[in-house]
Amino acid sequence: MIVTIVGGGKVGYYLMQTLIDHKHTPVLIEEKQAVCKRIADAMDIQVICGDATRLETLENANVAKSGAFISVTGLDEVNLIACQLAKNKFGVRKTVAKSNNPKNVMIMKNLGIDNVINSTDSIAGLIEREVDTSKIKQILTLNQGEVVLSEIVLPDNYTLDGKLLKDIKSNILFNIISITRGEHLMIPRGDSMLKSGDKLLVISENNAVKALKSILKIKEN
């Protein structure tokens, strides 16, 4: 997956390295020429030197081809505007913004940013939970992040359409706690069937979220 990152500071550098380790393709947008040069020398990635709040810069970075857009500069207004442009002008489905001021988190969410994060550790976690598992939406975390409640919408022409839950083999611990089908919500049992378009609520350990995509045969478009 191509992931555009705005901001080449410590957080951005760490995220780019994490993405590369997970076989994704990061593209950096950074305004400072010295930082652009340093990262271009250190990493074999595309680096665009420019202002991410300008359409021309985002066009040069070919943002429309990105599966996710993550803005982690030190300025909340830059992160907000860059993510809004990526989503509204270039159709990027997943936007993540760093909020340097905790008071801005809800404001940025209300203005359309998919995920607003106030800590570096949480942003790094999104590489697993949101980028690698782009079909799985985290609803909340429990027990200090050890357990995750996730929402999964099964795609059209789903590979396991008609499969019974008891027949799904897994070496990780997870539970499907509800299935919503149309207007009907059901509490599933072993003989409950998965169908295309179902919305699942799944509880699992945090480190098992990525594996759910493979177990449930959730494929990228």
N, C-alpha and C. Protein backbone atom coordinates (compact mmCIF):
# COMPACT_ATOMS: atom_id res chain seq x y z
N MET A 1 0.83 -1.19 0.00
CA MET A 1 0.00 0.00 0.00
C MET A 1 0.88 1.25 0.00
N ILE A 2 0.49 2.24 -0.76
CA ILE A 2 1.17 3.53 -0.74
C ILE A 2 0.58 4.37 0.39
N VAL A 3 1.43 4.91 1.24
CA VAL A 3 1.00 5.74 2.36
C VAL A 3 1.77 7.05 2.32
N THR A 4 1.04 8.15 2.24
CA THR A 4 1.68 9.47 2.25
C THR A 4 1.81 9.95 3.68
N ILE A 5 3.00 10.40 4.03
CA ILE A 5 3.27 10.95 5.36
C ILE A 5 3.70 12.40 5.21
N VAL A 6 3.06 13.27 5.97
CA VAL A 6 3.43 14.69 6.00
C VAL A 6 4.21 14.94 7.28
N GLY A 7 5.44 15.40 7.13
CA GLY A 7 6.27 15.68 8.29
C GLY A 7 7.40 14.68 8.44
N GLY A 8 8.62 15.16 8.29
CA GLY A 8 9.78 14.28 8.34
C GLY A 8 10.56 14.34 9.63
N GLY A 9 9.89 14.74 10.72
CA GLY A 9 10.54 14.77 12.03
C GLY A 9 10.69 13.37 12.61
N LYS A 10 10.87 13.30 13.92
CA LYS A 10 11.11 12.01 14.56
C LYS A 10 9.93 11.06 14.38
N VAL A 11 8.72 11.59 14.54
CA VAL A 11 7.53 10.74 14.40
C VAL A 11 7.39 10.25 12.96
N GLY A 12 7.51 11.17 12.01
CA GLY A 12 7.39 10.79 10.60
C GLY A 12 8.46 9.80 10.19
N TYR A 13 9.68 10.00 10.66
CA TYR A 13 10.78 9.09 10.32
C TYR A 13 10.48 7.69 10.85
N TYR A 14 10.02 7.62 12.09
CA TYR A 14 9.72 6.34 12.71
C TYR A 14 8.58 5.63 11.95
N LEU A 15 7.57 6.39 11.57
CA LEU A 15 6.45 5.80 10.82
C LEU A 15 6.90 5.29 9.46
N MET A 16 7.74 6.04 8.78
CA MET A 16 8.22 5.60 7.48
C MET A 16 9.01 4.30 7.59
N GLN A 17 9.86 4.23 8.60
CA GLN A 17 10.64 3.00 8.80
C GLN A 17 9.73 1.82 9.11
N THR A 18 8.69 2.06 9.93
CA THR A 18 7.73 1.01 10.27
C THR A 18 6.98 0.54 9.03
N LEU A 19 6.58 1.48 8.19
CA LEU A 19 5.87 1.13 6.96
C LEU A 19 6.74 0.29 6.04
N ILE A 20 7.98 0.68 5.90
CA ILE A 20 8.91 -0.07 5.04
C ILE A 20 9.09 -1.49 5.59
N ASP A 21 9.21 -1.61 6.91
CA ASP A 21 9.36 -2.93 7.53
C ASP A 21 8.15 -3.82 7.28
N HIS A 22 6.98 -3.20 7.10
CA HIS A 22 5.75 -3.94 6.85
C HIS A 22 5.38 -3.99 5.37
N LYS A 23 6.38 -3.74 4.53
CA LYS A 23 6.24 -3.91 3.08
C LYS A 23 5.27 -2.92 2.43
N HIS A 24 5.09 -1.76 3.05
CA HIS A 24 4.32 -0.69 2.43
C HIS A 24 5.27 0.30 1.75
N THR A 25 4.71 1.23 1.01
CA THR A 25 5.52 2.19 0.27
C THR A 25 5.21 3.60 0.76
N PRO A 26 6.03 4.16 1.65
CA PRO A 26 5.78 5.52 2.12
C PRO A 26 6.24 6.57 1.13
N VAL A 27 5.50 7.66 1.08
CA VAL A 27 5.87 8.85 0.31
C VAL A 27 5.88 10.01 1.31
N LEU A 28 6.98 10.75 1.36
CA LEU A 28 7.09 11.84 2.33
C LEU A 28 6.84 13.19 1.68
N ILE A 29 6.07 14.02 2.37
CA ILE A 29 5.96 15.44 2.04
C ILE A 29 6.54 16.22 3.21
N GLU A 30 7.54 17.03 2.93
CA GLU A 30 8.23 17.79 3.98
C GLU A 30 8.60 19.16 3.43
N GLU A 31 8.41 20.19 4.25
CA GLU A 31 8.63 21.57 3.79
C GLU A 31 10.09 22.00 3.87
N LYS A 32 10.84 21.47 4.81
CA LYS A 32 12.22 21.91 5.01
C LYS A 32 13.16 21.14 4.09
N GLN A 33 13.92 21.86 3.28
CA GLN A 33 14.79 21.23 2.28
C GLN A 33 15.88 20.37 2.93
N ALA A 34 16.41 20.82 4.06
CA ALA A 34 17.48 20.07 4.72
C ALA A 34 16.96 18.71 5.19
N VAL A 35 15.73 18.69 5.69
CA VAL A 35 15.13 17.43 6.15
C VAL A 35 14.85 16.52 4.96
N CYS A 36 14.36 17.10 3.87
CA CYS A 36 14.11 16.32 2.65
C CYS A 36 15.38 15.63 2.18
N LYS A 37 16.46 16.38 2.15
CA LYS A 37 17.74 15.82 1.68
C LYS A 37 18.22 14.70 2.60
N ARG A 38 18.10 14.93 3.92
CA ARG A 38 18.57 13.93 4.88
C ARG A 38 17.80 12.62 4.72
N ILE A 39 16.48 12.71 4.58
CA ILE A 39 15.68 11.49 4.47
C ILE A 39 15.86 10.84 3.11
N ALA A 40 15.98 11.63 2.07
CA ALA A 40 16.21 11.07 0.74
C ALA A 40 17.53 10.31 0.68
N ASP A 41 18.53 10.79 1.43
CA ASP A 41 19.83 10.10 1.49
C ASP A 41 19.76 8.82 2.33
N ALA A 42 18.85 8.83 3.33
CA ALA A 42 18.80 7.70 4.26
C ALA A 42 17.85 6.60 3.82
N MET A 43 16.81 6.96 3.05
CA MET A 43 15.79 5.98 2.68
C MET A 43 15.54 6.01 1.18
N ASP A 44 15.25 4.85 0.65
CA ASP A 44 14.94 4.75 -0.78
C ASP A 44 13.43 4.94 -0.97
N ILE A 45 12.97 6.19 -0.76
CA ILE A 45 11.56 6.51 -0.91
C ILE A 45 11.42 7.81 -1.69
N GLN A 46 10.19 8.08 -2.14
CA GLN A 46 9.91 9.34 -2.83
C GLN A 46 9.74 10.44 -1.79
N VAL A 47 10.45 11.55 -1.99
CA VAL A 47 10.37 12.68 -1.07
C VAL A 47 9.96 13.92 -1.87
N ILE A 48 8.86 14.54 -1.44
CA ILE A 48 8.37 15.76 -2.07
C ILE A 48 8.63 16.92 -1.12
N CYS A 49 9.40 17.87 -1.56
CA CYS A 49 9.71 19.03 -0.73
C CYS A 49 8.70 20.14 -1.03
N GLY A 50 7.81 20.41 -0.09
CA GLY A 50 6.79 21.41 -0.34
C GLY A 50 5.80 21.50 0.81
N ASP A 51 4.84 22.39 0.64
CA ASP A 51 3.81 22.68 1.64
C ASP A 51 2.62 21.76 1.40
N ALA A 52 2.31 20.91 2.37
CA ALA A 52 1.24 19.92 2.20
C ALA A 52 -0.16 20.52 2.24
N THR A 53 -0.27 21.82 2.54
CA THR A 53 -1.58 22.47 2.52
C THR A 53 -1.87 23.09 1.15
N ARG A 54 -0.97 22.86 0.19
CA ARG A 54 -1.16 23.37 -1.17
C ARG A 54 -1.50 22.21 -2.11
N LEU A 55 -2.51 22.41 -2.93
CA LEU A 55 -2.95 21.37 -3.86
C LEU A 55 -1.84 20.94 -4.80
N GLU A 56 -1.02 21.89 -5.23
CA GLU A 56 0.07 21.57 -6.16
C GLU A 56 1.03 20.56 -5.55
N THR A 57 1.34 20.74 -4.26
CA THR A 57 2.26 19.81 -3.59
C THR A 57 1.66 18.41 -3.51
N LEU A 58 0.38 18.34 -3.17
CA LEU A 58 -0.28 17.03 -3.07
C LEU A 58 -0.39 16.36 -4.43
N GLU A 59 -0.59 17.16 -5.48
CA GLU A 59 -0.61 16.60 -6.83
C GLU A 59 0.76 16.04 -7.20
N ASN A 60 1.81 16.76 -6.85
CA ASN A 60 3.17 16.29 -7.13
C ASN A 60 3.49 14.99 -6.40
N ALA A 61 2.88 14.82 -5.23
CA ALA A 61 3.08 13.59 -4.46
C ALA A 61 2.16 12.46 -4.91
N ASN A 62 1.29 12.75 -5.89
CA ASN A 62 0.36 11.74 -6.42
C ASN A 62 -0.47 11.13 -5.29
N VAL A 63 -1.01 12.02 -4.44
CA VAL A 63 -1.74 11.59 -3.25
C VAL A 63 -2.96 10.74 -3.59
N ALA A 64 -3.54 10.95 -4.75
CA ALA A 64 -4.74 10.19 -5.14
C ALA A 64 -4.50 8.68 -5.16
N LYS A 65 -3.25 8.26 -5.29
CA LYS A 65 -2.93 6.83 -5.32
C LYS A 65 -2.65 6.25 -3.93
N SER A 66 -2.75 7.10 -2.90
CA SER A 66 -2.44 6.64 -1.55
C SER A 66 -3.61 5.89 -0.94
N GLY A 67 -3.28 4.81 -0.23
CA GLY A 67 -4.30 4.10 0.52
C GLY A 67 -4.56 4.74 1.87
N ALA A 68 -3.60 5.52 2.35
CA ALA A 68 -3.74 6.22 3.63
C ALA A 68 -2.89 7.48 3.59
N PHE A 69 -3.31 8.48 4.36
CA PHE A 69 -2.62 9.77 4.41
C PHE A 69 -2.46 10.13 5.88
N ILE A 70 -1.21 10.31 6.33
CA ILE A 70 -0.92 10.55 7.74
C ILE A 70 -0.11 11.84 7.87
N SER A 71 -0.65 12.80 8.62
CA SER A 71 0.03 14.08 8.79
C SER A 71 0.45 14.24 10.24
N VAL A 72 1.77 14.37 10.44
CA VAL A 72 2.32 14.37 11.81
C VAL A 72 3.28 15.54 12.02
N THR A 73 2.96 16.70 11.46
CA THR A 73 3.79 17.88 11.70
C THR A 73 3.53 18.41 13.10
N GLY A 74 4.30 19.41 13.49
CA GLY A 74 4.12 20.03 14.80
C GLY A 74 3.02 21.05 14.84
N LEU A 75 2.31 21.26 13.73
CA LEU A 75 1.25 22.27 13.65
C LEU A 75 -0.09 21.59 13.38
N ASP A 76 -1.02 21.71 14.31
CA ASP A 76 -2.32 21.06 14.15
C ASP A 76 -3.07 21.56 12.93
N GLU A 77 -2.93 22.86 12.63
CA GLU A 77 -3.66 23.41 11.49
C GLU A 77 -3.16 22.82 10.17
N VAL A 78 -1.87 22.57 10.09
CA VAL A 78 -1.32 21.93 8.89
C VAL A 78 -1.83 20.50 8.78
N ASN A 79 -1.80 19.77 9.88
CA ASN A 79 -2.28 18.38 9.86
C ASN A 79 -3.75 18.31 9.46
N LEU A 80 -4.56 19.22 9.98
CA LEU A 80 -5.98 19.25 9.66
C LEU A 80 -6.22 19.56 8.20
N ILE A 81 -5.63 20.64 7.71
CA ILE A 81 -5.87 21.06 6.32
C ILE A 81 -5.35 20.03 5.33
N ALA A 82 -4.16 19.51 5.59
CA ALA A 82 -3.58 18.52 4.68
C ALA A 82 -4.47 17.28 4.57
N CYS A 83 -4.97 16.80 5.71
CA CYS A 83 -5.85 15.62 5.70
C CYS A 83 -7.18 15.92 5.02
N GLN A 84 -7.73 17.10 5.26
CA GLN A 84 -8.99 17.47 4.59
C GLN A 84 -8.81 17.52 3.08
N LEU A 85 -7.72 18.09 2.61
CA LEU A 85 -7.47 18.14 1.17
C LEU A 85 -7.29 16.75 0.58
N ALA A 86 -6.55 15.90 1.31
CA ALA A 86 -6.31 14.54 0.82
C ALA A 86 -7.62 13.78 0.66
N LYS A 87 -8.53 13.94 1.63
CA LYS A 87 -9.81 13.23 1.59
C LYS A 87 -10.78 13.85 0.59
N ASN A 88 -10.94 15.17 0.66
CA ASN A 88 -12.00 15.83 -0.11
C ASN A 88 -11.62 16.12 -1.56
N LYS A 89 -10.34 16.36 -1.81
CA LYS A 89 -9.90 16.70 -3.17
C LYS A 89 -9.28 15.52 -3.92
N PHE A 90 -8.72 14.56 -3.16
CA PHE A 90 -8.02 13.46 -3.82
C PHE A 90 -8.62 12.10 -3.51
N GLY A 91 -9.66 12.07 -2.70
CA GLY A 91 -10.38 10.83 -2.45
C GLY A 91 -9.66 9.79 -1.63
N VAL A 92 -8.70 10.19 -0.80
CA VAL A 92 -8.00 9.23 0.06
C VAL A 92 -8.98 8.74 1.12
N ARG A 93 -9.09 7.42 1.28
CA ARG A 93 -10.11 6.84 2.16
C ARG A 93 -9.76 6.94 3.65
N LYS A 94 -8.49 6.85 3.98
CA LYS A 94 -8.09 6.82 5.38
C LYS A 94 -7.14 7.97 5.68
N THR A 95 -7.55 8.86 6.59
CA THR A 95 -6.70 9.98 6.99
C THR A 95 -6.43 9.90 8.49
N VAL A 96 -5.19 10.17 8.83
CA VAL A 96 -4.77 10.16 10.24
C VAL A 96 -3.99 11.44 10.50
N ALA A 97 -4.39 12.15 11.57
CA ALA A 97 -3.71 13.40 11.91
C ALA A 97 -3.21 13.36 13.34
N LYS A 98 -2.02 13.88 13.54
CA LYS A 98 -1.51 14.06 14.90
C LYS A 98 -2.04 15.37 15.45
N SER A 99 -2.59 15.31 16.66
CA SER A 99 -3.02 16.52 17.36
C SER A 99 -2.01 16.82 18.46
N ASN A 100 -1.28 17.91 18.31
CA ASN A 100 -0.28 18.27 19.30
C ASN A 100 -0.92 18.85 20.56
N ASN A 101 -2.11 19.41 20.41
CA ASN A 101 -2.88 19.95 21.53
C ASN A 101 -4.07 19.03 21.79
N PRO A 102 -4.15 18.40 22.96
CA PRO A 102 -5.26 17.48 23.24
C PRO A 102 -6.63 18.12 23.07
N LYS A 103 -6.72 19.43 23.24
CA LYS A 103 -8.01 20.11 23.12
C LYS A 103 -8.52 20.11 21.67
N ASN A 104 -7.63 19.85 20.72
CA ASN A 104 -8.03 19.89 19.30
C ASN A 104 -8.51 18.54 18.78
N VAL A 105 -8.41 17.49 19.59
CA VAL A 105 -8.73 16.15 19.09
C VAL A 105 -10.17 16.08 18.58
N MET A 106 -11.13 16.46 19.40
CA MET A 106 -12.54 16.36 19.00
C MET A 106 -12.87 17.31 17.86
N ILE A 107 -12.24 18.49 17.87
CA ILE A 107 -12.48 19.44 16.78
C ILE A 107 -12.06 18.85 15.45
N MET A 108 -10.89 18.23 15.41
CA MET A 108 -10.39 17.64 14.17
C MET A 108 -11.24 16.46 13.73
N LYS A 109 -11.70 15.66 14.69
CA LYS A 109 -12.59 14.55 14.34
C LYS A 109 -13.89 15.08 13.75
N ASN A 110 -14.43 16.11 14.36
CA ASN A 110 -15.70 16.69 13.88
C ASN A 110 -15.56 17.32 12.51
N LEU A 111 -14.34 17.68 12.14
CA LEU A 111 -14.09 18.28 10.83
C LEU A 111 -13.71 17.24 9.78
N GLY A 112 -13.90 15.96 10.10
CA GLY A 112 -13.82 14.92 9.08
C GLY A 112 -12.59 14.06 9.04
N ILE A 113 -11.65 14.25 9.99
CA ILE A 113 -10.45 13.42 9.99
C ILE A 113 -10.82 12.04 10.57
N ASP A 114 -10.42 10.97 9.89
CA ASP A 114 -10.82 9.63 10.31
C ASP A 114 -10.26 9.25 11.67
N ASN A 115 -8.98 9.53 11.88
CA ASN A 115 -8.34 9.19 13.15
C ASN A 115 -7.48 10.37 13.59
N VAL A 116 -7.71 10.83 14.81
CA VAL A 116 -6.91 11.91 15.38
C VAL A 116 -6.21 11.34 16.60
N ILE A 117 -4.89 11.43 16.60
CA ILE A 117 -4.07 10.80 17.63
C ILE A 117 -3.25 11.85 18.35
N ASN A 118 -3.16 11.70 19.67
CA ASN A 118 -2.45 12.69 20.46
C ASN A 118 -1.12 12.18 21.01
N SER A 119 -0.73 10.95 20.68
CA SER A 119 0.55 10.43 21.17
C SER A 119 1.26 9.66 20.07
N THR A 120 2.58 9.71 20.11
CA THR A 120 3.39 9.02 19.11
C THR A 120 3.15 7.52 19.15
N ASP A 121 3.03 6.95 20.34
CA ASP A 121 2.83 5.51 20.45
C ASP A 121 1.53 5.08 19.79
N SER A 122 0.47 5.89 19.96
CA SER A 122 -0.81 5.55 19.34
C SER A 122 -0.73 5.62 17.82
N ILE A 123 0.00 6.59 17.29
CA ILE A 123 0.16 6.69 15.84
C ILE A 123 0.89 5.47 15.33
N ALA A 124 1.93 5.05 16.03
CA ALA A 124 2.66 3.85 15.60
C ALA A 124 1.74 2.63 15.61
N GLY A 125 0.87 2.55 16.60
CA GLY A 125 -0.06 1.44 16.65
C GLY A 125 -1.01 1.41 15.46
N LEU A 126 -1.31 2.56 14.91
CA LEU A 126 -2.21 2.60 13.75
C LEU A 126 -1.59 1.96 12.51
N ILE A 127 -0.28 1.88 12.46
CA ILE A 127 0.35 1.19 11.35
C ILE A 127 -0.13 -0.25 11.30
N GLU A 128 -0.30 -0.86 12.49
CA GLU A 128 -0.84 -2.21 12.54
C GLU A 128 -2.36 -2.20 12.40
N ARG A 129 -3.04 -1.32 13.15
CA ARG A 129 -4.49 -1.44 13.27
C ARG A 129 -5.25 -0.76 12.15
N GLU A 130 -4.65 0.25 11.49
CA GLU A 130 -5.39 0.99 10.48
C GLU A 130 -4.82 0.87 9.08
N VAL A 131 -3.53 0.82 8.96
CA VAL A 131 -2.93 0.72 7.63
C VAL A 131 -2.91 -0.72 7.15
N ASP A 132 -2.29 -1.59 7.95
CA ASP A 132 -2.25 -3.00 7.58
C ASP A 132 -3.64 -3.62 7.63
N THR A 133 -4.53 -3.12 8.47
CA THR A 133 -5.86 -3.69 8.59
C THR A 133 -6.90 -2.65 8.17
N SER A 134 -6.76 -2.17 6.94
CA SER A 134 -7.59 -1.07 6.49
C SER A 134 -9.05 -1.42 6.32
N LYS A 135 -9.40 -2.71 6.37
CA LYS A 135 -10.79 -3.12 6.32
C LYS A 135 -11.39 -3.26 7.72
N ILE A 136 -10.58 -3.06 8.76
CA ILE A 136 -11.00 -3.27 10.13
C ILE A 136 -10.93 -1.93 10.88
N LYS A 137 -12.05 -1.52 11.46
CA LYS A 137 -12.11 -0.24 12.15
C LYS A 137 -12.09 -0.47 13.65
N GLN A 138 -11.11 0.09 14.32
CA GLN A 138 -11.04 -0.03 15.77
C GLN A 138 -12.10 0.86 16.41
N ILE A 139 -12.92 0.28 17.30
CA ILE A 139 -13.96 1.04 17.99
C ILE A 139 -13.45 1.58 19.32
N LEU A 140 -12.84 0.70 20.12
CA LEU A 140 -12.27 1.13 21.39
C LEU A 140 -11.27 0.10 21.89
N THR A 141 -10.45 0.53 22.84
CA THR A 141 -9.49 -0.37 23.47
C THR A 141 -9.87 -0.55 24.93
N LEU A 142 -9.54 -1.71 25.47
CA LEU A 142 -9.85 -2.03 26.86
C LEU A 142 -8.57 -2.50 27.57
N ASN A 143 -8.61 -2.39 28.89
CA ASN A 143 -7.49 -2.87 29.71
C ASN A 143 -6.16 -2.28 29.25
N GLN A 144 -6.15 -0.94 29.12
CA GLN A 144 -4.95 -0.19 28.74
C GLN A 144 -4.40 -0.62 27.38
N GLY A 145 -5.32 -0.91 26.46
CA GLY A 145 -4.92 -1.20 25.09
C GLY A 145 -4.62 -2.65 24.80
N GLU A 146 -4.74 -3.53 25.80
CA GLU A 146 -4.41 -4.94 25.57
C GLU A 146 -5.49 -5.64 24.73
N VAL A 147 -6.73 -5.18 24.87
CA VAL A 147 -7.86 -5.80 24.17
C VAL A 147 -8.52 -4.74 23.28
N VAL A 148 -8.93 -5.15 22.08
CA VAL A 148 -9.48 -4.23 21.10
C VAL A 148 -10.87 -4.69 20.66
N LEU A 149 -11.80 -3.76 20.59
CA LEU A 149 -13.11 -4.01 19.99
C LEU A 149 -13.09 -3.41 18.59
N SER A 150 -13.31 -4.24 17.58
CA SER A 150 -13.19 -3.80 16.19
C SER A 150 -14.49 -4.03 15.44
N GLU A 151 -14.71 -3.20 14.40
CA GLU A 151 -15.85 -3.37 13.50
C GLU A 151 -15.33 -3.82 12.14
N ILE A 152 -15.92 -4.87 11.61
CA ILE A 152 -15.53 -5.40 10.31
C ILE A 152 -16.77 -5.51 9.44
N VAL A 153 -16.75 -4.89 8.27
CA VAL A 153 -17.84 -5.02 7.31
C VAL A 153 -17.39 -5.98 6.22
N LEU A 154 -18.09 -7.10 6.09
CA LEU A 154 -17.72 -8.09 5.09
C LEU A 154 -18.05 -7.59 3.70
N PRO A 155 -17.14 -7.73 2.75
CA PRO A 155 -17.34 -7.16 1.41
C PRO A 155 -18.38 -7.91 0.58
N ASP A 156 -18.77 -7.31 -0.53
CA ASP A 156 -19.61 -8.00 -1.50
C ASP A 156 -18.84 -9.20 -2.05
N ASN A 157 -19.57 -10.22 -2.45
CA ASN A 157 -18.94 -11.45 -2.98
C ASN A 157 -17.90 -12.00 -2.03
N TYR A 158 -18.25 -12.00 -0.77
CA TYR A 158 -17.33 -12.41 0.30
C TYR A 158 -16.92 -13.87 0.14
N THR A 159 -15.64 -14.13 0.29
CA THR A 159 -15.08 -15.46 0.09
C THR A 159 -15.71 -16.52 0.99
N LEU A 160 -16.01 -16.15 2.24
CA LEU A 160 -16.56 -17.11 3.19
C LEU A 160 -18.08 -17.00 3.32
N ASP A 161 -18.74 -16.43 2.33
CA ASP A 161 -20.20 -16.31 2.36
C ASP A 161 -20.82 -17.69 2.57
N GLY A 162 -21.67 -17.82 3.59
CA GLY A 162 -22.31 -19.09 3.89
C GLY A 162 -21.55 -19.97 4.87
N LYS A 163 -20.38 -19.53 5.27
CA LYS A 163 -19.55 -20.31 6.19
C LYS A 163 -20.09 -20.20 7.62
N LEU A 164 -20.13 -21.31 8.35
CA LEU A 164 -20.53 -21.31 9.74
C LEU A 164 -19.36 -20.88 10.62
N LEU A 165 -19.68 -20.15 11.68
CA LEU A 165 -18.61 -19.68 12.56
C LEU A 165 -17.81 -20.83 13.15
N LYS A 166 -18.47 -21.92 13.49
CA LYS A 166 -17.77 -23.04 14.10
C LYS A 166 -16.78 -23.71 13.15
N ASP A 167 -16.91 -23.42 11.85
CA ASP A 167 -16.01 -24.03 10.86
C ASP A 167 -14.81 -23.16 10.53
N ILE A 168 -14.74 -21.97 11.13
CA ILE A 168 -13.60 -21.08 10.89
C ILE A 168 -12.48 -21.45 11.87
N LYS A 169 -11.37 -21.89 11.32
CA LYS A 169 -10.24 -22.33 12.13
C LYS A 169 -9.31 -21.16 12.43
N SER A 170 -8.84 -21.10 13.68
CA SER A 170 -7.98 -19.99 14.06
C SER A 170 -7.03 -20.42 15.17
N ASN A 171 -5.82 -19.87 15.11
CA ASN A 171 -4.86 -20.12 16.19
C ASN A 171 -4.72 -18.90 17.10
N ILE A 172 -5.62 -17.92 16.93
CA ILE A 172 -5.63 -16.76 17.83
C ILE A 172 -6.97 -16.71 18.54
N LEU A 173 -6.99 -16.01 19.66
CA LEU A 173 -8.20 -15.91 20.47
C LEU A 173 -8.97 -14.66 20.07
N PHE A 174 -10.20 -14.85 19.56
CA PHE A 174 -11.08 -13.73 19.26
C PHE A 174 -12.52 -14.21 19.35
N ASN A 175 -13.44 -13.27 19.57
CA ASN A 175 -14.85 -13.60 19.61
C ASN A 175 -15.64 -12.60 18.79
N ILE A 176 -16.54 -13.10 17.94
CA ILE A 176 -17.49 -12.25 17.23
C ILE A 176 -18.68 -12.09 18.16
N ILE A 177 -18.87 -10.87 18.68
CA ILE A 177 -19.89 -10.67 19.71
C ILE A 177 -21.24 -10.25 19.14
N SER A 178 -21.26 -9.75 17.90
CA SER A 178 -22.55 -9.47 17.26
C SER A 178 -22.38 -9.45 15.76
N ILE A 179 -23.46 -9.75 15.05
CA ILE A 179 -23.53 -9.65 13.59
C ILE A 179 -24.75 -8.81 13.24
N THR A 180 -24.54 -7.74 12.50
CA THR A 180 -25.65 -6.92 12.02
C THR A 180 -25.86 -7.21 10.55
N ARG A 181 -27.06 -7.63 10.20
CA ARG A 181 -27.40 -7.96 8.81
C ARG A 181 -28.63 -7.16 8.43
N GLY A 182 -28.41 -6.14 7.61
CA GLY A 182 -29.51 -5.22 7.31
C GLY A 182 -29.91 -4.48 8.56
N GLU A 183 -31.19 -4.58 8.94
CA GLU A 183 -31.68 -3.92 10.15
C GLU A 183 -31.64 -4.84 11.36
N HIS A 184 -31.22 -6.07 11.17
CA HIS A 184 -31.30 -7.08 12.23
C HIS A 184 -29.93 -7.31 12.88
N LEU A 185 -29.90 -7.23 14.20
CA LEU A 185 -28.68 -7.52 14.95
C LEU A 185 -28.86 -8.84 15.68
N MET A 186 -27.88 -9.73 15.57
CA MET A 186 -27.97 -11.02 16.23
C MET A 186 -26.73 -11.29 17.07
N ILE A 187 -26.91 -12.04 18.15
CA ILE A 187 -25.80 -12.53 18.95
C ILE A 187 -25.45 -13.90 18.39
N PRO A 188 -24.28 -14.07 17.79
CA PRO A 188 -23.98 -15.29 17.04
C PRO A 188 -23.68 -16.49 17.92
N ARG A 189 -23.94 -17.66 17.35
CA ARG A 189 -23.56 -18.93 17.95
C ARG A 189 -22.66 -19.67 16.96
N GLY A 190 -22.24 -20.85 17.32
CA GLY A 190 -21.35 -21.60 16.44
C GLY A 190 -21.96 -21.92 15.10
N ASP A 191 -23.30 -22.11 15.06
CA ASP A 191 -23.94 -22.44 13.80
C ASP A 191 -24.45 -21.21 13.05
N SER A 192 -24.07 -20.01 13.52
CA SER A 192 -24.41 -18.78 12.78
C SER A 192 -23.57 -18.70 11.52
N MET A 193 -24.15 -18.11 10.48
CA MET A 193 -23.52 -18.07 9.17
C MET A 193 -23.06 -16.65 8.83
N LEU A 194 -21.91 -16.55 8.18
CA LEU A 194 -21.43 -15.26 7.69
C LEU A 194 -21.98 -15.02 6.30
N LYS A 195 -22.37 -13.75 6.04
CA LYS A 195 -22.91 -13.40 4.74
C LYS A 195 -22.27 -12.09 4.26
N SER A 196 -22.17 -11.93 2.94
CA SER A 196 -21.66 -10.68 2.36
C SER A 196 -22.45 -9.50 2.90
N GLY A 197 -21.75 -8.44 3.28
CA GLY A 197 -22.40 -7.23 3.78
C GLY A 197 -22.63 -7.23 5.27
N ASP A 198 -22.39 -8.36 5.96
CA ASP A 198 -22.54 -8.39 7.41
C ASP A 198 -21.58 -7.41 8.07
N LYS A 199 -22.04 -6.81 9.17
CA LYS A 199 -21.18 -5.96 9.99
C LYS A 199 -20.91 -6.71 11.29
N LEU A 200 -19.64 -7.00 11.55
CA LEU A 200 -19.26 -7.79 12.72
C LEU A 200 -18.65 -6.88 13.79
N LEU A 201 -18.96 -7.15 15.04
CA LEU A 201 -18.22 -6.58 16.15
C LEU A 201 -17.37 -7.71 16.73
N VAL A 202 -16.07 -7.49 16.76
CA VAL A 202 -15.13 -8.54 17.14
C VAL A 202 -14.25 -8.04 18.28
N ILE A 203 -14.08 -8.86 19.29
CA ILE A 203 -13.17 -8.52 20.38
C ILE A 203 -11.98 -9.48 20.33
N SER A 204 -10.79 -8.91 20.49
CA SER A 204 -9.57 -9.71 20.38
C SER A 204 -8.45 -9.03 21.14
N GLU A 205 -7.36 -9.74 21.32
CA GLU A 205 -6.16 -9.11 21.85
C GLU A 205 -5.61 -8.15 20.80
N ASN A 206 -4.98 -7.09 21.27
CA ASN A 206 -4.47 -6.06 20.37
C ASN A 206 -3.55 -6.64 19.31
N ASN A 207 -2.65 -7.54 19.72
CA ASN A 207 -1.67 -8.07 18.78
C ASN A 207 -2.26 -9.09 17.80
N ALA A 208 -3.57 -9.37 17.93
CA ALA A 208 -4.21 -10.32 17.02
C ALA A 208 -5.04 -9.64 15.94
N VAL A 209 -5.15 -8.30 16.00
CA VAL A 209 -6.02 -7.59 15.05
C VAL A 209 -5.59 -7.82 13.61
N LYS A 210 -4.29 -7.73 13.37
CA LYS A 210 -3.79 -7.90 12.00
C LYS A 210 -4.12 -9.30 11.46
N ALA A 211 -4.02 -10.33 12.33
CA ALA A 211 -4.27 -11.70 11.90
C ALA A 211 -5.73 -11.93 11.55
N LEU A 212 -6.65 -11.14 12.10
CA LEU A 212 -8.07 -11.31 11.80
C LEU A 212 -8.35 -11.19 10.30
N LYS A 213 -7.61 -10.30 9.66
CA LYS A 213 -7.82 -10.08 8.23
C LYS A 213 -7.55 -11.35 7.44
N SER A 214 -6.54 -12.09 7.83
CA SER A 214 -6.22 -13.35 7.15
C SER A 214 -7.22 -14.45 7.52
N ILE A 215 -7.56 -14.55 8.80
CA ILE A 215 -8.47 -15.59 9.25
C ILE A 215 -9.85 -15.44 8.62
N LEU A 216 -10.34 -14.21 8.54
CA LEU A 216 -11.67 -13.97 7.98
C LEU A 216 -11.65 -13.71 6.48
N LYS A 217 -10.48 -13.87 5.86
CA LYS A 217 -10.34 -13.75 4.40
C LYS A 217 -10.82 -12.37 3.91
N ILE A 218 -10.38 -11.33 4.60
CA ILE A 218 -10.72 -9.96 4.21
C ILE A 218 -9.66 -9.48 3.23
N LYS A 219 -10.04 -9.25 2.01
CA LYS A 219 -9.09 -8.85 0.97
C LYS A 219 -9.24 -7.37 0.66
N GLU A 220 -8.10 -6.77 0.20
CA GLU A 220 -8.14 -5.38 -0.28
C GLU A 220 -8.87 -5.32 -1.61
N ASN A 221 -9.47 -4.15 -1.88
CA ASN A 221 -10.10 -3.94 -3.19
C ASN A 221 -9.06 -3.90 -4.29
